[in-house]
Amino acid sequence: MEGGQIMVVTIVAIVMVASIIRARYGYGRFGRHNRNGGHEGLMSSQDHAENLRLRDEVKELKERLKVIERITVEKENSLSREIDSLRDR
């Protein structure tokens, strides 16, 4: 085997061993199993509260954006009416 092949085999072996260790000791994608069989790290109550707060904030910002868009369109329409009325003179 050449040096490049040995390096590839070594990397594959390391990934396999790491996967086995993760499976054996309960480290998953979303957190770690605790010793009592529960799953910690999915979403704590603090994370859940923060998530809800952020959702409310996004909802409020979307409502504000709608108001700003409406105001902008109304101003645009009134401006075009003013221009048209000046042209008609």
N, C-alpha and C. Protein backbone atom coordinates (compact mmCIF):
# COMPACT_ATOMS: atom_id res chain seq x y z
N MET A 1 0.84 -1.19 0.00
CA MET A 1 0.00 0.00 0.00
C MET A 1 0.88 1.24 0.00
N GLU A 2 0.40 2.23 -0.71
CA GLU A 2 1.13 3.50 -0.75
C GLU A 2 0.63 4.41 0.37
N GLY A 3 1.28 5.55 0.54
CA GLY A 3 0.96 6.46 1.62
C GLY A 3 -0.46 7.00 1.56
N GLY A 4 -0.94 7.32 0.37
CA GLY A 4 -2.30 7.85 0.21
C GLY A 4 -3.36 6.83 0.57
N GLN A 5 -3.13 5.58 0.19
CA GLN A 5 -4.07 4.51 0.50
C GLN A 5 -4.12 4.25 1.99
N ILE A 6 -2.98 4.29 2.63
CA ILE A 6 -2.93 4.08 4.09
C ILE A 6 -3.69 5.20 4.80
N MET A 7 -3.54 6.42 4.31
CA MET A 7 -4.23 7.54 4.93
C MET A 7 -5.74 7.38 4.79
N VAL A 8 -6.22 6.96 3.63
CA VAL A 8 -7.66 6.77 3.42
C VAL A 8 -8.19 5.68 4.33
N VAL A 9 -7.48 4.56 4.41
CA VAL A 9 -7.91 3.45 5.28
C VAL A 9 -7.94 3.91 6.73
N THR A 10 -6.95 4.71 7.15
CA THR A 10 -6.91 5.20 8.52
C THR A 10 -8.09 6.12 8.81
N ILE A 11 -8.42 7.01 7.87
CA ILE A 11 -9.56 7.91 8.06
C ILE A 11 -10.86 7.13 8.17
N VAL A 12 -11.04 6.15 7.30
CA VAL A 12 -12.25 5.33 7.34
C VAL A 12 -12.34 4.58 8.66
N ALA A 13 -11.23 4.05 9.14
CA ALA A 13 -11.22 3.33 10.42
C ALA A 13 -11.57 4.27 11.57
N ILE A 14 -11.05 5.49 11.56
CA ILE A 14 -11.35 6.44 12.63
C ILE A 14 -12.84 6.79 12.64
N VAL A 15 -13.41 7.01 11.45
CA VAL A 15 -14.83 7.34 11.36
C VAL A 15 -15.68 6.17 11.86
N MET A 16 -15.31 4.96 11.51
CA MET A 16 -16.06 3.78 11.96
C MET A 16 -16.00 3.65 13.47
N VAL A 17 -14.81 3.82 14.05
CA VAL A 17 -14.67 3.70 15.50
C VAL A 17 -15.47 4.79 16.19
N ALA A 18 -15.42 6.01 15.66
CA ALA A 18 -16.19 7.11 16.26
C ALA A 18 -17.69 6.82 16.19
N SER A 19 -18.16 6.28 15.09
CA SER A 19 -19.58 5.94 14.96
C SER A 19 -20.00 4.88 15.97
N ILE A 20 -19.16 3.89 16.16
CA ILE A 20 -19.45 2.83 17.12
C ILE A 20 -19.50 3.41 18.53
N ILE A 21 -18.56 4.28 18.86
CA ILE A 21 -18.54 4.89 20.20
C ILE A 21 -19.79 5.75 20.40
N ARG A 22 -20.16 6.53 19.39
CA ARG A 22 -21.37 7.36 19.51
C ARG A 22 -22.60 6.49 19.72
N ALA A 23 -22.69 5.38 18.99
CA ALA A 23 -23.85 4.50 19.13
C ALA A 23 -23.85 3.82 20.49
N ARG A 24 -22.70 3.42 20.94
CA ARG A 24 -22.59 2.69 22.22
C ARG A 24 -22.92 3.57 23.41
N TYR A 25 -22.45 4.81 23.42
CA TYR A 25 -22.62 5.67 24.57
C TYR A 25 -23.76 6.67 24.42
N GLY A 26 -24.54 6.55 23.37
CA GLY A 26 -25.78 7.30 23.26
C GLY A 26 -25.64 8.71 22.74
N TYR A 27 -24.54 9.07 22.16
CA TYR A 27 -24.44 10.41 21.59
C TYR A 27 -25.08 10.38 20.23
N GLY A 28 -26.14 11.16 20.11
CA GLY A 28 -26.85 11.19 18.84
C GLY A 28 -26.77 12.56 18.22
N ARG A 29 -27.60 12.74 17.25
CA ARG A 29 -27.57 14.00 16.51
C ARG A 29 -28.10 15.16 17.34
N PHE A 30 -29.10 14.90 18.19
CA PHE A 30 -29.77 15.99 18.91
C PHE A 30 -29.40 16.06 20.38
N GLY A 31 -28.47 15.33 20.83
CA GLY A 31 -28.11 15.40 22.23
C GLY A 31 -27.59 14.08 22.73
N ARG A 32 -27.56 13.95 24.05
CA ARG A 32 -26.99 12.77 24.66
C ARG A 32 -28.02 12.13 25.57
N HIS A 33 -28.09 10.81 25.55
CA HIS A 33 -28.94 10.09 26.48
C HIS A 33 -28.33 10.18 27.87
N ASN A 34 -29.20 10.39 28.87
CA ASN A 34 -28.65 10.36 30.22
C ASN A 34 -28.68 8.94 30.76
N ARG A 35 -28.14 8.73 31.92
CA ARG A 35 -28.00 7.37 32.47
C ARG A 35 -29.33 6.72 32.81
N ASN A 36 -30.38 7.53 33.01
CA ASN A 36 -31.68 6.99 33.37
C ASN A 36 -32.51 6.61 32.16
N GLY A 37 -31.93 6.71 30.99
CA GLY A 37 -32.65 6.32 29.78
C GLY A 37 -33.37 7.46 29.11
N GLY A 38 -33.39 8.63 29.75
CA GLY A 38 -34.02 9.80 29.14
C GLY A 38 -33.10 10.40 28.10
N HIS A 39 -33.58 11.41 27.49
CA HIS A 39 -32.79 12.06 26.44
C HIS A 39 -32.65 13.51 26.81
N GLU A 40 -31.43 13.94 27.07
CA GLU A 40 -31.22 15.33 27.40
C GLU A 40 -30.63 16.04 26.20
N GLY A 41 -30.91 17.29 26.10
CA GLY A 41 -30.33 18.07 25.02
C GLY A 41 -31.26 18.28 23.84
N LEU A 42 -32.41 17.61 23.80
CA LEU A 42 -33.32 17.85 22.69
C LEU A 42 -33.74 19.32 22.71
N MET A 43 -34.40 19.74 23.78
CA MET A 43 -34.73 21.15 23.95
C MET A 43 -35.08 21.36 25.41
N SER A 44 -34.27 22.12 26.10
CA SER A 44 -34.55 22.39 27.50
C SER A 44 -35.72 23.36 27.60
N SER A 45 -36.25 23.51 28.80
CA SER A 45 -37.38 24.42 28.99
C SER A 45 -36.94 25.86 28.70
N GLN A 46 -35.69 26.18 29.01
CA GLN A 46 -35.18 27.51 28.72
C GLN A 46 -35.09 27.73 27.21
N ASP A 47 -34.62 26.72 26.48
CA ASP A 47 -34.56 26.82 25.02
C ASP A 47 -35.97 26.94 24.43
N HIS A 48 -36.90 26.19 25.01
CA HIS A 48 -38.28 26.23 24.53
C HIS A 48 -38.87 27.62 24.74
N ALA A 49 -38.63 28.22 25.91
CA ALA A 49 -39.13 29.55 26.19
C ALA A 49 -38.51 30.58 25.24
N GLU A 50 -37.22 30.44 25.00
CA GLU A 50 -36.53 31.34 24.07
C GLU A 50 -37.09 31.19 22.66
N ASN A 51 -37.38 29.96 22.27
CA ASN A 51 -37.95 29.69 20.96
C ASN A 51 -39.32 30.37 20.82
N LEU A 52 -40.15 30.25 21.84
CA LEU A 52 -41.46 30.89 21.80
C LEU A 52 -41.34 32.41 21.75
N ARG A 53 -40.41 32.96 22.52
CA ARG A 53 -40.21 34.41 22.53
C ARG A 53 -39.78 34.90 21.14
N LEU A 54 -38.88 34.16 20.53
CA LEU A 54 -38.40 34.54 19.21
C LEU A 54 -39.50 34.42 18.15
N ARG A 55 -40.34 33.40 18.28
CA ARG A 55 -41.46 33.26 17.35
C ARG A 55 -42.41 34.45 17.46
N ASP A 56 -42.70 34.85 18.71
CA ASP A 56 -43.57 36.02 18.92
C ASP A 56 -42.95 37.28 18.32
N GLU A 57 -41.65 37.43 18.53
CA GLU A 57 -40.96 38.60 18.00
C GLU A 57 -41.00 38.62 16.47
N VAL A 58 -40.80 37.46 15.85
CA VAL A 58 -40.87 37.39 14.38
C VAL A 58 -42.28 37.72 13.90
N LYS A 59 -43.29 37.23 14.62
CA LYS A 59 -44.67 37.52 14.24
C LYS A 59 -44.94 39.03 14.31
N GLU A 60 -44.47 39.67 15.38
CA GLU A 60 -44.65 41.12 15.51
C GLU A 60 -43.92 41.87 14.40
N LEU A 61 -42.72 41.44 14.08
CA LEU A 61 -41.96 42.10 13.02
C LEU A 61 -42.64 41.95 11.66
N LYS A 62 -43.22 40.78 11.41
CA LYS A 62 -43.94 40.58 10.15
C LYS A 62 -45.15 41.52 10.07
N GLU A 63 -45.85 41.69 11.20
CA GLU A 63 -47.00 42.59 11.20
C GLU A 63 -46.55 44.03 10.95
N ARG A 64 -45.45 44.44 11.57
CA ARG A 64 -44.93 45.79 11.36
C ARG A 64 -44.51 45.99 9.90
N LEU A 65 -43.90 44.96 9.32
CA LEU A 65 -43.49 45.05 7.92
C LEU A 65 -44.70 45.22 7.00
N LYS A 66 -45.79 44.50 7.30
CA LYS A 66 -47.00 44.66 6.50
C LYS A 66 -47.52 46.09 6.56
N VAL A 67 -47.49 46.68 7.76
CA VAL A 67 -47.95 48.06 7.91
C VAL A 67 -47.06 49.00 7.10
N ILE A 68 -45.76 48.81 7.18
CA ILE A 68 -44.83 49.66 6.43
C ILE A 68 -45.05 49.51 4.93
N GLU A 69 -45.27 48.28 4.47
CA GLU A 69 -45.53 48.07 3.04
C GLU A 69 -46.82 48.76 2.62
N ARG A 70 -47.86 48.69 3.46
CA ARG A 70 -49.13 49.33 3.14
C ARG A 70 -48.96 50.84 3.05
N ILE A 71 -48.24 51.41 4.01
CA ILE A 71 -48.00 52.85 4.02
C ILE A 71 -47.23 53.25 2.76
N THR A 72 -46.23 52.47 2.42
CA THR A 72 -45.42 52.78 1.24
C THR A 72 -46.26 52.75 -0.03
N VAL A 73 -47.10 51.74 -0.16
CA VAL A 73 -47.94 51.62 -1.36
C VAL A 73 -48.94 52.77 -1.40
N GLU A 74 -49.53 53.12 -0.25
CA GLU A 74 -50.49 54.22 -0.22
C GLU A 74 -49.83 55.53 -0.62
N LYS A 75 -48.61 55.77 -0.10
CA LYS A 75 -47.90 56.99 -0.47
C LYS A 75 -47.58 56.99 -1.96
N GLU A 76 -47.19 55.83 -2.46
CA GLU A 76 -46.87 55.72 -3.89
C GLU A 76 -48.10 56.02 -4.74
N ASN A 77 -49.24 55.47 -4.33
CA ASN A 77 -50.47 55.71 -5.08
C ASN A 77 -50.89 57.17 -4.99
N SER A 78 -50.80 57.75 -3.81
CA SER A 78 -51.21 59.15 -3.66
C SER A 78 -50.25 60.06 -4.42
N LEU A 79 -48.99 59.72 -4.45
CA LEU A 79 -48.02 60.52 -5.20
C LEU A 79 -48.31 60.46 -6.69
N SER A 80 -48.63 59.28 -7.19
CA SER A 80 -48.94 59.15 -8.62
C SER A 80 -50.22 59.91 -8.96
N ARG A 81 -51.20 59.92 -8.05
CA ARG A 81 -52.42 60.70 -8.27
C ARG A 81 -52.13 62.19 -8.32
N GLU A 82 -51.27 62.64 -7.41
CA GLU A 82 -50.89 64.06 -7.40
C GLU A 82 -50.20 64.44 -8.72
N ILE A 83 -49.30 63.58 -9.19
CA ILE A 83 -48.61 63.85 -10.45
C ILE A 83 -49.59 63.89 -11.60
N ASP A 84 -50.53 62.94 -11.62
CA ASP A 84 -51.55 62.91 -12.69
C ASP A 84 -52.42 64.17 -12.64
N SER A 85 -52.77 64.59 -11.45
CA SER A 85 -53.62 65.79 -11.34
C SER A 85 -52.85 67.03 -11.81
N LEU A 86 -51.55 67.08 -11.58
CA LEU A 86 -50.75 68.20 -12.06
C LEU A 86 -50.63 68.17 -13.57
N ARG A 87 -50.56 67.01 -14.15
CA ARG A 87 -50.46 66.88 -15.62
C ARG A 87 -51.76 67.34 -16.28
N ASP A 88 -52.87 67.08 -15.62
CA ASP A 88 -54.17 67.42 -16.20
C ASP A 88 -54.42 68.92 -16.22
N ARG A 89 -53.68 69.70 -15.51
CA ARG A 89 -53.90 71.16 -15.46
C ARG A 89 -53.53 71.82 -16.72
